[in-house]
Amino acid sequence: MAACRLHVFLPDDRDETGAEKLEQLSDEFEATFLSCPDAAVQETSPELVSGVFEETPENVERIDAFEATCRDVFPDADILRTRQDRDVMDGQASEHGYEVAIMLTVTSALV
């Protein structure tokens, strides 16, 4: 099993409605995952980062549930889930203590 972190890239909604939705997702993230903002991989948009966890079926279910919450909070957004090897991404897997980044990107609808 791989050591992973979940990275959630959120829309940069600065209006009042967007801020409330971002806070709602942030609260849900905090209730579901141990937060570790020091391991963020980008600075261009809001990002939620979990602590390191093993990629077990139970943890994949938690990611699935959080993705469903993202869809509920941002019903018109496109939500993309990707995986990337941390060493391939930036060569810092050992520094950040995990091998695989599981990324959820919540974007404005592309169509």
PDB file of N, CA and C in Angstrom:
ATOM      1  N   MET A   1       0.838  -1.189   0.000  1.00  0.00           N
ATOM      2  CA  MET A   1       0.000   0.000   0.000  1.00  0.00           C
ATOM      3  C   MET A   1       0.875   1.241   0.000  1.00  0.00           C
ATOM      4  N   ALA A   2       0.414   2.224  -0.691  1.00  0.00           N
ATOM      5  CA  ALA A   2       1.178   3.463  -0.822  1.00  0.00           C
ATOM      6  C   ALA A   2       0.811   4.448   0.279  1.00  0.00           C
ATOM      7  N   ALA A   3       1.802   5.224   0.702  1.00  0.00           N
ATOM      8  CA  ALA A   3       1.554   6.346   1.599  1.00  0.00           C
ATOM      9  C   ALA A   3       1.088   7.516   0.739  1.00  0.00           C
ATOM     10  N   CYS A   4      -0.049   8.102   1.104  1.00  0.00           N
ATOM     11  CA  CYS A   4      -0.683   9.127   0.266  1.00  0.00           C
ATOM     12  C   CYS A   4      -1.016  10.373   1.074  1.00  0.00           C
ATOM     13  N   ARG A   5      -1.284  11.424   0.337  1.00  0.00           N
ATOM     14  CA  ARG A   5      -1.926  12.627   0.868  1.00  0.00           C
ATOM     15  C   ARG A   5      -3.016  13.000  -0.118  1.00  0.00           C
ATOM     16  N   LEU A   6      -4.101  13.546   0.403  1.00  0.00           N
ATOM     17  CA  LEU A   6      -5.155  14.075  -0.453  1.00  0.00           C
ATOM     18  C   LEU A   6      -4.961  15.583  -0.555  1.00  0.00           C
ATOM     19  N   HIS A   7      -4.890  16.070  -1.784  1.00  0.00           N
ATOM     20  CA  HIS A   7      -4.797  17.498  -2.063  1.00  0.00           C
ATOM     21  C   HIS A   7      -6.099  17.898  -2.742  1.00  0.00           C
ATOM     22  N   VAL A   8      -6.778  18.896  -2.199  1.00  0.00           N
ATOM     23  CA  VAL A   8      -8.028  19.373  -2.790  1.00  0.00           C
ATOM     24  C   VAL A   8      -7.805  20.815  -3.224  1.00  0.00           C
ATOM     25  N   PHE A   9      -7.857  21.028  -4.537  1.00  0.00           N
ATOM     26  CA  PHE A   9      -7.677  22.363  -5.107  1.00  0.00           C
ATOM     27  C   PHE A   9      -9.058  22.963  -5.304  1.00  0.00           C
ATOM     28  N   LEU A  10      -9.318  24.052  -4.616  1.00  0.00           N
ATOM     29  CA  LEU A  10     -10.646  24.662  -4.603  1.00  0.00           C
ATOM     30  C   LEU A  10     -10.712  25.862  -5.530  1.00  0.00           C
ATOM     31  N   PRO A  11     -11.918  26.200  -5.979  1.00  0.00           N
ATOM     32  CA  PRO A  11     -12.051  27.404  -6.809  1.00  0.00           C
ATOM     33  C   PRO A  11     -11.693  28.635  -5.991  1.00  0.00           C
ATOM     34  N   ASP A  12     -11.214  29.639  -6.648  1.00  0.00           N
ATOM     35  CA  ASP A  12     -10.824  30.879  -5.973  1.00  0.00           C
ATOM     36  C   ASP A  12     -12.007  31.843  -5.981  1.00  0.00           C
ATOM     37  N   ASP A  13     -13.120  31.431  -5.357  1.00  0.00           N
ATOM     38  CA  ASP A  13     -14.342  32.248  -5.300  1.00  0.00           C
ATOM     39  C   ASP A  13     -14.248  33.233  -4.150  1.00  0.00           C
ATOM     40  N   ARG A  14     -14.162  34.480  -4.486  1.00  0.00           N
ATOM     41  CA  ARG A  14     -14.014  35.497  -3.447  1.00  0.00           C
ATOM     42  C   ARG A  14     -15.331  36.168  -3.091  1.00  0.00           C
ATOM     43  N   ASP A  15     -16.406  35.879  -3.844  1.00  0.00           N
ATOM     44  CA  ASP A  15     -17.682  36.496  -3.482  1.00  0.00           C
ATOM     45  C   ASP A  15     -18.225  35.815  -2.225  1.00  0.00           C
ATOM     46  N   GLU A  16     -19.256  36.388  -1.640  1.00  0.00           N
ATOM     47  CA  GLU A  16     -19.772  35.909  -0.360  1.00  0.00           C
ATOM     48  C   GLU A  16     -20.280  34.474  -0.445  1.00  0.00           C
ATOM     49  N   THR A  17     -21.000  34.135  -1.501  1.00  0.00           N
ATOM     50  CA  THR A  17     -21.518  32.777  -1.659  1.00  0.00           C
ATOM     51  C   THR A  17     -20.373  31.782  -1.793  1.00  0.00           C
ATOM     52  N   GLY A  18     -19.381  32.129  -2.602  1.00  0.00           N
ATOM     53  CA  GLY A  18     -18.236  31.255  -2.774  1.00  0.00           C
ATOM     54  C   GLY A  18     -17.468  31.054  -1.482  1.00  0.00           C
ATOM     55  N   ALA A  19     -17.317  32.114  -0.708  1.00  0.00           N
ATOM     56  CA  ALA A  19     -16.595  32.022   0.564  1.00  0.00           C
ATOM     57  C   ALA A  19     -17.316  31.088   1.528  1.00  0.00           C
ATOM     58  N   GLU A  20     -18.645  31.146   1.556  1.00  0.00           N
ATOM     59  CA  GLU A  20     -19.411  30.258   2.428  1.00  0.00           C
ATOM     60  C   GLU A  20     -19.240  28.801   2.002  1.00  0.00           C
ATOM     61  N   LYS A  21     -19.265  28.554   0.694  1.00  0.00           N
ATOM     62  CA  LYS A  21     -19.086  27.192   0.193  1.00  0.00           C
ATOM     63  C   LYS A  21     -17.691  26.669   0.508  1.00  0.00           C
ATOM     64  N   LEU A  22     -16.680  27.517   0.342  1.00  0.00           N
ATOM     65  CA  LEU A  22     -15.314  27.106   0.654  1.00  0.00           C
ATOM     66  C   LEU A  22     -15.163  26.791   2.140  1.00  0.00           C
ATOM     67  N   GLU A  23     -15.794  27.578   2.983  1.00  0.00           N
ATOM     68  CA  GLU A  23     -15.738  27.327   4.426  1.00  0.00           C
ATOM     69  C   GLU A  23     -16.438  26.012   4.766  1.00  0.00           C
ATOM     70  N   GLN A  24     -17.575  25.756   4.110  1.00  0.00           N
ATOM     71  CA  GLN A  24     -18.300  24.509   4.333  1.00  0.00           C
ATOM     72  C   GLN A  24     -17.425  23.305   3.962  1.00  0.00           C
ATOM     73  N   LEU A  25     -16.773  23.371   2.797  1.00  0.00           N
ATOM     74  CA  LEU A  25     -15.897  22.273   2.391  1.00  0.00           C
ATOM     75  C   LEU A  25     -14.705  22.133   3.320  1.00  0.00           C
ATOM     76  N   SER A  26     -14.154  23.242   3.733  1.00  0.00           N
ATOM     77  CA  SER A  26     -13.012  23.209   4.640  1.00  0.00           C
ATOM     78  C   SER A  26     -13.402  22.549   5.968  1.00  0.00           C
ATOM     79  N   ASP A  27     -14.575  22.894   6.487  1.00  0.00           N
ATOM     80  CA  ASP A  27     -15.049  22.287   7.736  1.00  0.00           C
ATOM     81  C   ASP A  27     -15.243  20.780   7.575  1.00  0.00           C
ATOM     82  N   GLU A  28     -15.826  20.365   6.445  1.00  0.00           N
ATOM     83  CA  GLU A  28     -16.041  18.943   6.183  1.00  0.00           C
ATOM     84  C   GLU A  28     -14.699  18.214   6.043  1.00  0.00           C
ATOM     85  N   PHE A  29     -13.735  18.853   5.384  1.00  0.00           N
ATOM     86  CA  PHE A  29     -12.407  18.271   5.227  1.00  0.00           C
ATOM     87  C   PHE A  29     -11.768  18.060   6.600  1.00  0.00           C
ATOM     88  N   GLU A  30     -11.845  19.083   7.447  1.00  0.00           N
ATOM     89  CA  GLU A  30     -11.260  18.999   8.791  1.00  0.00           C
ATOM     90  C   GLU A  30     -11.910  17.889   9.616  1.00  0.00           C
ATOM     91  N   ALA A  31     -13.211  17.653   9.407  1.00  0.00           N
ATOM     92  CA  ALA A  31     -13.921  16.614  10.148  1.00  0.00           C
ATOM     93  C   ALA A  31     -13.574  15.210   9.635  1.00  0.00           C
ATOM     94  N   THR A  32     -13.090  15.116   8.392  1.00  0.00           N
ATOM     95  CA  THR A  32     -12.849  13.821   7.761  1.00  0.00           C
ATOM     96  C   THR A  32     -11.372  13.437   7.738  1.00  0.00           C
ATOM     97  N   PHE A  33     -10.492  14.412   7.571  1.00  0.00           N
ATOM     98  CA  PHE A  33      -9.054  14.155   7.420  1.00  0.00           C
ATOM     99  C   PHE A  33      -8.262  15.014   8.390  1.00  0.00           C
ATOM    100  N   LEU A  34      -7.113  14.528   8.785  1.00  0.00           N
ATOM    101  CA  LEU A  34      -6.163  15.344   9.525  1.00  0.00           C
ATOM    102  C   LEU A  34      -5.566  16.331   8.532  1.00  0.00           C
ATOM    103  N   SER A  35      -5.655  17.606   8.819  1.00  0.00           N
ATOM    104  CA  SER A  35      -5.178  18.628   7.893  1.00  0.00           C
ATOM    105  C   SER A  35      -3.688  18.877   8.075  1.00  0.00           C
ATOM    106  N   CYS A  36      -3.000  19.107   6.956  1.00  0.00           N
ATOM    107  CA  CYS A  36      -1.561  19.365   6.981  1.00  0.00           C
ATOM    108  C   CYS A  36      -1.212  20.396   5.902  1.00  0.00           C
ATOM    109  N   PRO A  37      -1.537  21.664   6.120  1.00  0.00           N
ATOM    110  CA  PRO A  37      -1.328  22.675   5.080  1.00  0.00           C
ATOM    111  C   PRO A  37       0.126  22.890   4.674  1.00  0.00           C
ATOM    112  N   ASP A  38       1.077  22.454   5.479  1.00  0.00           N
ATOM    113  CA  ASP A  38       2.489  22.646   5.142  1.00  0.00           C
ATOM    114  C   ASP A  38       2.942  21.822   3.933  1.00  0.00           C
ATOM    115  N   ALA A  39       2.123  20.860   3.515  1.00  0.00           N
ATOM    116  CA  ALA A  39       2.506  19.995   2.398  1.00  0.00           C
ATOM    117  C   ALA A  39       1.806  20.387   1.097  1.00  0.00           C
ATOM    118  N   ALA A  40       1.324  21.608   1.012  1.00  0.00           N
ATOM    119  CA  ALA A  40       0.654  22.073  -0.209  1.00  0.00           C
ATOM    120  C   ALA A  40       1.611  22.010  -1.387  1.00  0.00           C
ATOM    121  N   VAL A  41       1.060  21.758  -2.581  1.00  0.00           N
ATOM    122  CA  VAL A  41       1.886  21.666  -3.772  1.00  0.00           C
ATOM    123  C   VAL A  41       1.744  22.877  -4.688  1.00  0.00           C
ATOM    124  N   GLN A  42       0.816  23.771  -4.371  1.00  0.00           N
ATOM    125  CA  GLN A  42       0.683  24.977  -5.203  1.00  0.00           C
ATOM    126  C   GLN A  42       0.236  26.145  -4.345  1.00  0.00           C
ATOM    127  N   GLU A  43       0.452  27.326  -4.852  1.00  0.00           N
ATOM    128  CA  GLU A  43       0.061  28.537  -4.129  1.00  0.00           C
ATOM    129  C   GLU A  43      -0.888  29.395  -4.937  1.00  0.00           C
ATOM    130  N   THR A  44      -1.360  28.893  -6.076  1.00  0.00           N
ATOM    131  CA  THR A  44      -2.162  29.722  -6.975  1.00  0.00           C
ATOM    132  C   THR A  44      -3.650  29.701  -6.660  1.00  0.00           C
ATOM    133  N   SER A  45      -4.115  28.754  -5.851  1.00  0.00           N
ATOM    134  CA  SER A  45      -5.524  28.698  -5.464  1.00  0.00           C
ATOM    135  C   SER A  45      -5.616  28.060  -4.085  1.00  0.00           C
ATOM    136  N   PRO A  46      -6.771  28.194  -3.434  1.00  0.00           N
ATOM    137  CA  PRO A  46      -6.911  27.548  -2.120  1.00  0.00           C
ATOM    138  C   PRO A  46      -6.709  26.041  -2.243  1.00  0.00           C
ATOM    139  N   GLU A  47      -6.004  25.469  -1.272  1.00  0.00           N
ATOM    140  CA  GLU A  47      -5.718  24.036  -1.294  1.00  0.00           C
ATOM    141  C   GLU A  47      -5.880  23.460   0.109  1.00  0.00           C
ATOM    142  N   LEU A  48      -6.591  22.360   0.201  1.00  0.00           N
ATOM    143  CA  LEU A  48      -6.697  21.599   1.439  1.00  0.00           C
ATOM    144  C   LEU A  48      -5.783  20.391   1.302  1.00  0.00           C
ATOM    145  N   VAL A  49      -5.011  20.079   2.334  1.00  0.00           N
ATOM    146  CA  VAL A  49      -4.061  18.965   2.278  1.00  0.00           C
ATOM    147  C   VAL A  49      -4.236  18.105   3.522  1.00  0.00           C
ATOM    148  N   SER A  50      -4.375  16.810   3.298  1.00  0.00           N
ATOM    149  CA  SER A  50      -4.534  15.889   4.421  1.00  0.00           C
ATOM    150  C   SER A  50      -3.181  15.477   4.969  1.00  0.00           C
ATOM    151  N   GLY A  51      -3.224  14.863   6.131  1.00  0.00           N
ATOM    152  CA  GLY A  51      -2.052  14.193   6.655  1.00  0.00           C
ATOM    153  C   GLY A  51      -1.796  12.942   5.828  1.00  0.00           C
ATOM    154  N   VAL A  52      -0.686  12.291   6.078  1.00  0.00           N
ATOM    155  CA  VAL A  52      -0.330  11.073   5.348  1.00  0.00           C
ATOM    156  C   VAL A  52      -1.224   9.927   5.824  1.00  0.00           C
ATOM    157  N   PHE A  53      -1.694   9.120   4.862  1.00  0.00           N
ATOM    158  CA  PHE A  53      -2.494   7.941   5.181  1.00  0.00           C
ATOM    159  C   PHE A  53      -2.152   6.828   4.204  1.00  0.00           C
ATOM    160  N   GLU A  54      -2.448   5.610   4.605  1.00  0.00           N
ATOM    161  CA  GLU A  54      -2.255   4.453   3.725  1.00  0.00           C
ATOM    162  C   GLU A  54      -3.449   4.351   2.787  1.00  0.00           C
ATOM    163  N   GLU A  55      -3.198   3.901   1.575  1.00  0.00           N
ATOM    164  CA  GLU A  55      -4.257   3.781   0.576  1.00  0.00           C
ATOM    165  C   GLU A  55      -5.014   2.461   0.785  1.00  0.00           C
ATOM    166  N   THR A  56      -5.808   2.417   1.843  1.00  0.00           N
ATOM    167  CA  THR A  56      -6.626   1.246   2.155  1.00  0.00           C
ATOM    168  C   THR A  56      -8.029   1.447   1.582  1.00  0.00           C
ATOM    169  N   PRO A  57      -8.818   0.387   1.454  1.00  0.00           N
ATOM    170  CA  PRO A  57     -10.194   0.544   0.972  1.00  0.00           C
ATOM    171  C   PRO A  57     -11.011   1.534   1.824  1.00  0.00           C
ATOM    172  N   GLU A  58     -10.801   1.518   3.140  1.00  0.00           N
ATOM    173  CA  GLU A  58     -11.527   2.430   4.016  1.00  0.00           C
ATOM    174  C   GLU A  58     -11.172   3.890   3.715  1.00  0.00           C
ATOM    175  N   ASN A  59      -9.895   4.157   3.480  1.00  0.00           N
ATOM    176  CA  ASN A  59      -9.477   5.524   3.177  1.00  0.00           C
ATOM    177  C   ASN A  59      -9.937   5.969   1.794  1.00  0.00           C
ATOM    178  N   VAL A  60      -9.977   5.045   0.848  1.00  0.00           N
ATOM    179  CA  VAL A  60     -10.512   5.377  -0.476  1.00  0.00           C
ATOM    180  C   VAL A  60     -11.994   5.729  -0.356  1.00  0.00           C
ATOM    181  N   GLU A  61     -12.718   5.023   0.512  1.00  0.00           N
ATOM    182  CA  GLU A  61     -14.130   5.352   0.752  1.00  0.00           C
ATOM    183  C   GLU A  61     -14.277   6.756   1.340  1.00  0.00           C
ATOM    184  N   ARG A  62     -13.363   7.142   2.228  1.00  0.00           N
ATOM    185  CA  ARG A  62     -13.419   8.509   2.786  1.00  0.00           C
ATOM    186  C   ARG A  62     -13.190   9.541   1.691  1.00  0.00           C
ATOM    187  N   ILE A  63     -12.276   9.263   0.769  1.00  0.00           N
ATOM    188  CA  ILE A  63     -12.034  10.181  -0.349  1.00  0.00           C
ATOM    189  C   ILE A  63     -13.276  10.252  -1.231  1.00  0.00           C
ATOM    190  N   ASP A  64     -13.876   9.098  -1.522  1.00  0.00           N
ATOM    191  CA  ASP A  64     -15.102   9.070  -2.329  1.00  0.00           C
ATOM    192  C   ASP A  64     -16.200   9.908  -1.675  1.00  0.00           C
ATOM    193  N   ALA A  65     -16.354   9.767  -0.360  1.00  0.00           N
ATOM    194  CA  ALA A  65     -17.388  10.525   0.359  1.00  0.00           C
ATOM    195  C   ALA A  65     -17.099  12.022   0.307  1.00  0.00           C
ATOM    196  N   PHE A  66     -15.829  12.395   0.449  1.00  0.00           N
ATOM    197  CA  PHE A  66     -15.503  13.819   0.380  1.00  0.00           C
ATOM    198  C   PHE A  66     -15.721  14.364  -1.026  1.00  0.00           C
ATOM    199  N   GLU A  67     -15.411  13.565  -2.042  1.00  0.00           N
ATOM    200  CA  GLU A  67     -15.666  13.985  -3.418  1.00  0.00           C
ATOM    201  C   GLU A  67     -17.161  14.208  -3.634  1.00  0.00           C
ATOM    202  N   ALA A  68     -18.000  13.337  -3.074  1.00  0.00           N
ATOM    203  CA  ALA A  68     -19.454  13.515  -3.174  1.00  0.00           C
ATOM    204  C   ALA A  68     -19.889  14.806  -2.478  1.00  0.00           C
ATOM    205  N   THR A  69     -19.263  15.126  -1.349  1.00  0.00           N
ATOM    206  CA  THR A  69     -19.563  16.384  -0.663  1.00  0.00           C
ATOM    207  C   THR A  69     -19.195  17.573  -1.543  1.00  0.00           C
ATOM    208  N   CYS A  70     -18.048  17.493  -2.223  1.00  0.00           N
ATOM    209  CA  CYS A  70     -17.650  18.565  -3.146  1.00  0.00           C
ATOM    210  C   CYS A  70     -18.707  18.754  -4.227  1.00  0.00           C
ATOM    211  N   ARG A  71     -19.225  17.639  -4.737  1.00  0.00           N
ATOM    212  CA  ARG A  71     -20.253  17.714  -5.782  1.00  0.00           C
ATOM    213  C   ARG A  71     -21.545  18.328  -5.242  1.00  0.00           C
ATOM    214  N   ASP A  72     -21.874  18.033  -3.982  1.00  0.00           N
ATOM    215  CA  ASP A  72     -23.071  18.621  -3.371  1.00  0.00           C
ATOM    216  C   ASP A  72     -22.912  20.123  -3.163  1.00  0.00           C
ATOM    217  N   VAL A  73     -21.740  20.540  -2.700  1.00  0.00           N
ATOM    218  CA  VAL A  73     -21.502  21.954  -2.400  1.00  0.00           C
ATOM    219  C   VAL A  73     -21.340  22.773  -3.675  1.00  0.00           C
ATOM    220  N   PHE A  74     -20.677  22.204  -4.674  1.00  0.00           N
ATOM    221  CA  PHE A  74     -20.464  22.883  -5.959  1.00  0.00           C
ATOM    222  C   PHE A  74     -21.099  22.048  -7.084  1.00  0.00           C
ATOM    223  N   PRO A  75     -22.441  22.025  -7.162  1.00  0.00           N
ATOM    224  CA  PRO A  75     -23.103  21.143  -8.128  1.00  0.00           C
ATOM    225  C   PRO A  75     -22.798  21.469  -9.589  1.00  0.00           C
ATOM    226  N   ASP A  76     -22.427  22.706  -9.892  1.00  0.00           N
ATOM    227  CA  ASP A  76     -22.147  23.091 -11.277  1.00  0.00           C
ATOM    228  C   ASP A  76     -20.670  22.984 -11.631  1.00  0.00           C
ATOM    229  N   ALA A  77     -19.854  22.542 -10.698  1.00  0.00           N
ATOM    230  CA  ALA A  77     -18.416  22.468 -10.947  1.00  0.00           C
ATOM    231  C   ALA A  77     -18.037  21.133 -11.566  1.00  0.00           C
ATOM    232  N   ASP A  78     -16.916  21.133 -12.250  1.00  0.00           N
ATOM    233  CA  ASP A  78     -16.298  19.893 -12.696  1.00  0.00           C
ATOM    234  C   ASP A  78     -15.311  19.480 -11.611  1.00  0.00           C
ATOM    235  N   ILE A  79     -15.346  18.228 -11.231  1.00  0.00           N
ATOM    236  CA  ILE A  79     -14.455  17.733 -10.191  1.00  0.00           C
ATOM    237  C   ILE A  79     -13.622  16.609 -10.790  1.00  0.00           C
ATOM    238  N   LEU A  80     -12.329  16.824 -10.819  1.00  0.00           N
ATOM    239  CA  LEU A  80     -11.405  15.889 -11.442  1.00  0.00           C
ATOM    240  C   LEU A  80     -10.545  15.238 -10.365  1.00  0.00           C
ATOM    241  N   ARG A  81     -10.432  13.909 -10.393  1.00  0.00           N
ATOM    242  CA  ARG A  81      -9.566  13.196  -9.451  1.00  0.00           C
ATOM    243  C   ARG A  81      -8.395  12.625 -10.236  1.00  0.00           C
ATOM    244  N   THR A  82      -7.211  12.930  -9.774  1.00  0.00           N
ATOM    245  CA  THR A  82      -6.006  12.412 -10.415  1.00  0.00           C
ATOM    246  C   THR A  82      -5.052  11.900  -9.345  1.00  0.00           C
ATOM    247  N   ARG A  83      -4.064  11.158  -9.779  1.00  0.00           N
ATOM    248  CA  ARG A  83      -2.998  10.649  -8.897  1.00  0.00           C
ATOM    249  C   ARG A  83      -1.675  10.996  -9.537  1.00  0.00           C
ATOM    250  N   GLN A  84      -0.719  11.330  -8.707  1.00  0.00           N
ATOM    251  CA  GLN A  84       0.611  11.586  -9.248  1.00  0.00           C
ATOM    252  C   GLN A  84       1.654  11.156  -8.232  1.00  0.00           C
ATOM    253  N   ASP A  85       2.698  10.549  -8.733  1.00  0.00           N
ATOM    254  CA  ASP A  85       3.826  10.171  -7.895  1.00  0.00           C
ATOM    255  C   ASP A  85       4.524  11.444  -7.433  1.00  0.00           C
ATOM    256  N   ARG A  86       4.713  11.593  -6.144  1.00  0.00           N
ATOM    257  CA  ARG A  86       5.293  12.825  -5.610  1.00  0.00           C
ATOM    258  C   ARG A  86       6.708  13.052  -6.132  1.00  0.00           C
ATOM    259  N   ASP A  87       7.480  11.992  -6.292  1.00  0.00           N
ATOM    260  CA  ASP A  87       8.837  12.177  -6.825  1.00  0.00           C
ATOM    261  C   ASP A  87       8.816  12.629  -8.270  1.00  0.00           C
ATOM    262  N   VAL A  88       7.870  12.128  -9.050  1.00  0.00           N
ATOM    263  CA  VAL A  88       7.758  12.568 -10.436  1.00  0.00           C
ATOM    264  C   VAL A  88       7.328  14.039 -10.472  1.00  0.00           C
ATOM    265  N   MET A  89       6.436  14.409  -9.551  1.00  0.00           N
ATOM    266  CA  MET A  89       5.920  15.778  -9.503  1.00  0.00           C
ATOM    267  C   MET A  89       7.033  16.784  -9.202  1.00  0.00           C
ATOM    268  N   ASP A  90       7.775  16.532  -8.128  1.00  0.00           N
ATOM    269  CA  ASP A  90       8.774  17.529  -7.740  1.00  0.00           C
ATOM    270  C   ASP A  90      10.003  16.956  -7.040  1.00  0.00           C
ATOM    271  N   GLY A  91      10.111  15.627  -6.988  1.00  0.00           N
ATOM    272  CA  GLY A  91      11.277  15.008  -6.374  1.00  0.00           C
ATOM    273  C   GLY A  91      11.345  15.145  -4.869  1.00  0.00           C
ATOM    274  N   GLN A  92      10.208  15.415  -4.209  1.00  0.00           N
ATOM    275  CA  GLN A  92      10.222  15.660  -2.769  1.00  0.00           C
ATOM    276  C   GLN A  92       9.400  14.659  -1.971  1.00  0.00           C
ATOM    277  N   ALA A  93       9.265  13.442  -2.464  1.00  0.00           N
ATOM    278  CA  ALA A  93       8.461  12.439  -1.761  1.00  0.00           C
ATOM    279  C   ALA A  93       8.994  12.183  -0.353  1.00  0.00           C
ATOM    280  N   SER A  94      10.291  11.948  -0.211  1.00  0.00           N
ATOM    281  CA  SER A  94      10.826  11.634   1.113  1.00  0.00           C
ATOM    282  C   SER A  94      10.755  12.837   2.041  1.00  0.00           C
ATOM    283  N   GLU A  95      10.936  14.029   1.504  1.00  0.00           N
ATOM    284  CA  GLU A  95      10.867  15.238   2.328  1.00  0.00           C
ATOM    285  C   GLU A  95       9.468  15.431   2.915  1.00  0.00           C
ATOM    286  N   HIS A  96       8.440  15.098   2.137  1.00  0.00           N
ATOM    287  CA  HIS A  96       7.067  15.303   2.593  1.00  0.00           C
ATOM    288  C   HIS A  96       6.438  14.041   3.160  1.00  0.00           C
ATOM    289  N   GLY A  97       7.140  12.919   3.131  1.00  0.00           N
ATOM    290  CA  GLY A  97       6.705  11.722   3.820  1.00  0.00           C
ATOM    291  C   GLY A  97       5.627  10.917   3.134  1.00  0.00           C
ATOM    292  N   TYR A  98       5.476  11.037   1.833  1.00  0.00           N
ATOM    293  CA  TYR A  98       4.504  10.212   1.114  1.00  0.00           C
ATOM    294  C   TYR A  98       4.911  10.066  -0.333  1.00  0.00           C
ATOM    295  N   GLU A  99       4.356   9.017  -0.972  1.00  0.00           N
ATOM    296  CA  GLU A  99       4.733   8.689  -2.338  1.00  0.00           C
ATOM    297  C   GLU A  99       3.727   9.173  -3.378  1.00  0.00           C
ATOM    298  N   VAL A 100       2.439   9.158  -3.024  1.00  0.00           N
ATOM    299  CA  VAL A 100       1.395   9.427  -4.008  1.00  0.00           C
ATOM    300  C   VAL A 100       0.535  10.605  -3.570  1.00  0.00           C
ATOM    301  N   ALA A 101       0.344  11.540  -4.490  1.00  0.00           N
ATOM    302  CA  ALA A 101      -0.589  12.646  -4.264  1.00  0.00           C
ATOM    303  C   ALA A 101      -1.888  12.296  -4.972  1.00  0.00           C
ATOM    304  N   ILE A 102      -2.973  12.238  -4.204  1.00  0.00           N
ATOM    305  CA  ILE A 102      -4.299  12.063  -4.785  1.00  0.00           C
ATOM    306  C   ILE A 102      -4.915  13.451  -4.813  1.00  0.00           C
ATOM    307  N   MET A 103      -5.267  13.908  -5.997  1.00  0.00           N
ATOM    308  CA  MET A 103      -5.692  15.298  -6.145  1.00  0.00           C
ATOM    309  C   MET A 103      -7.136  15.383  -6.613  1.00  0.00           C
ATOM    310  N   LEU A 104      -7.917  16.193  -5.907  1.00  0.00           N
ATOM    311  CA  LEU A 104      -9.268  16.538  -6.332  1.00  0.00           C
ATOM    312  C   LEU A 104      -9.220  18.009  -6.735  1.00  0.00           C
ATOM    313  N   THR A 105      -9.579  18.281  -7.956  1.00  0.00           N
ATOM    314  CA  THR A 105      -9.605  19.665  -8.442  1.00  0.00           C
ATOM    315  C   THR A 105     -11.051  20.043  -8.689  1.00  0.00           C
ATOM    316  N   VAL A 106     -11.524  21.053  -7.963  1.00  0.00           N
ATOM    317  CA  VAL A 106     -12.895  21.546  -8.101  1.00  0.00           C
ATOM    318  C   VAL A 106     -12.811  22.808  -8.931  1.00  0.00           C
ATOM    319  N   THR A 107     -13.337  22.761 -10.160  1.00  0.00           N
ATOM    320  CA  THR A 107     -13.200  23.883 -11.077  1.00  0.00           C
ATOM    321  C   THR A 107     -14.570  24.374 -11.535  1.00  0.00           C
ATOM    322  N   SER A 108     -14.576  25.565 -12.086  1.00  0.00           N
ATOM    323  CA  SER A 108     -15.781  26.043 -12.734  1.00  0.00           C
ATOM    324  C   SER A 108     -16.101  25.100 -13.882  1.00  0.00           C
ATOM    325  N   ALA A 109     -17.376  24.967 -14.185  1.00  0.00           N
ATOM    326  CA  ALA A 109     -17.777  24.054 -15.257  1.00  0.00           C
ATOM    327  C   ALA A 109     -17.023  24.386 -16.529  1.00  0.00           C
ATOM    328  N   LEU A 110     -16.461  23.387 -17.152  1.00  0.00           N
ATOM    329  CA  LEU A 110     -15.644  23.598 -18.348  1.00  0.00           C
ATOM    330  C   LEU A 110     -16.494  23.754 -19.601  1.00  0.00           C
ATOM    331  N   VAL A 111     -17.751  23.382 -19.538  1.00  0.00           N
ATOM    332  CA  VAL A 111     -18.624  23.463 -20.708  1.00  0.00           C
ATOM    333  C   VAL A 111     -19.710  24.485 -20.457  1.00  0.00           C
TER     334      VAL A 111
END
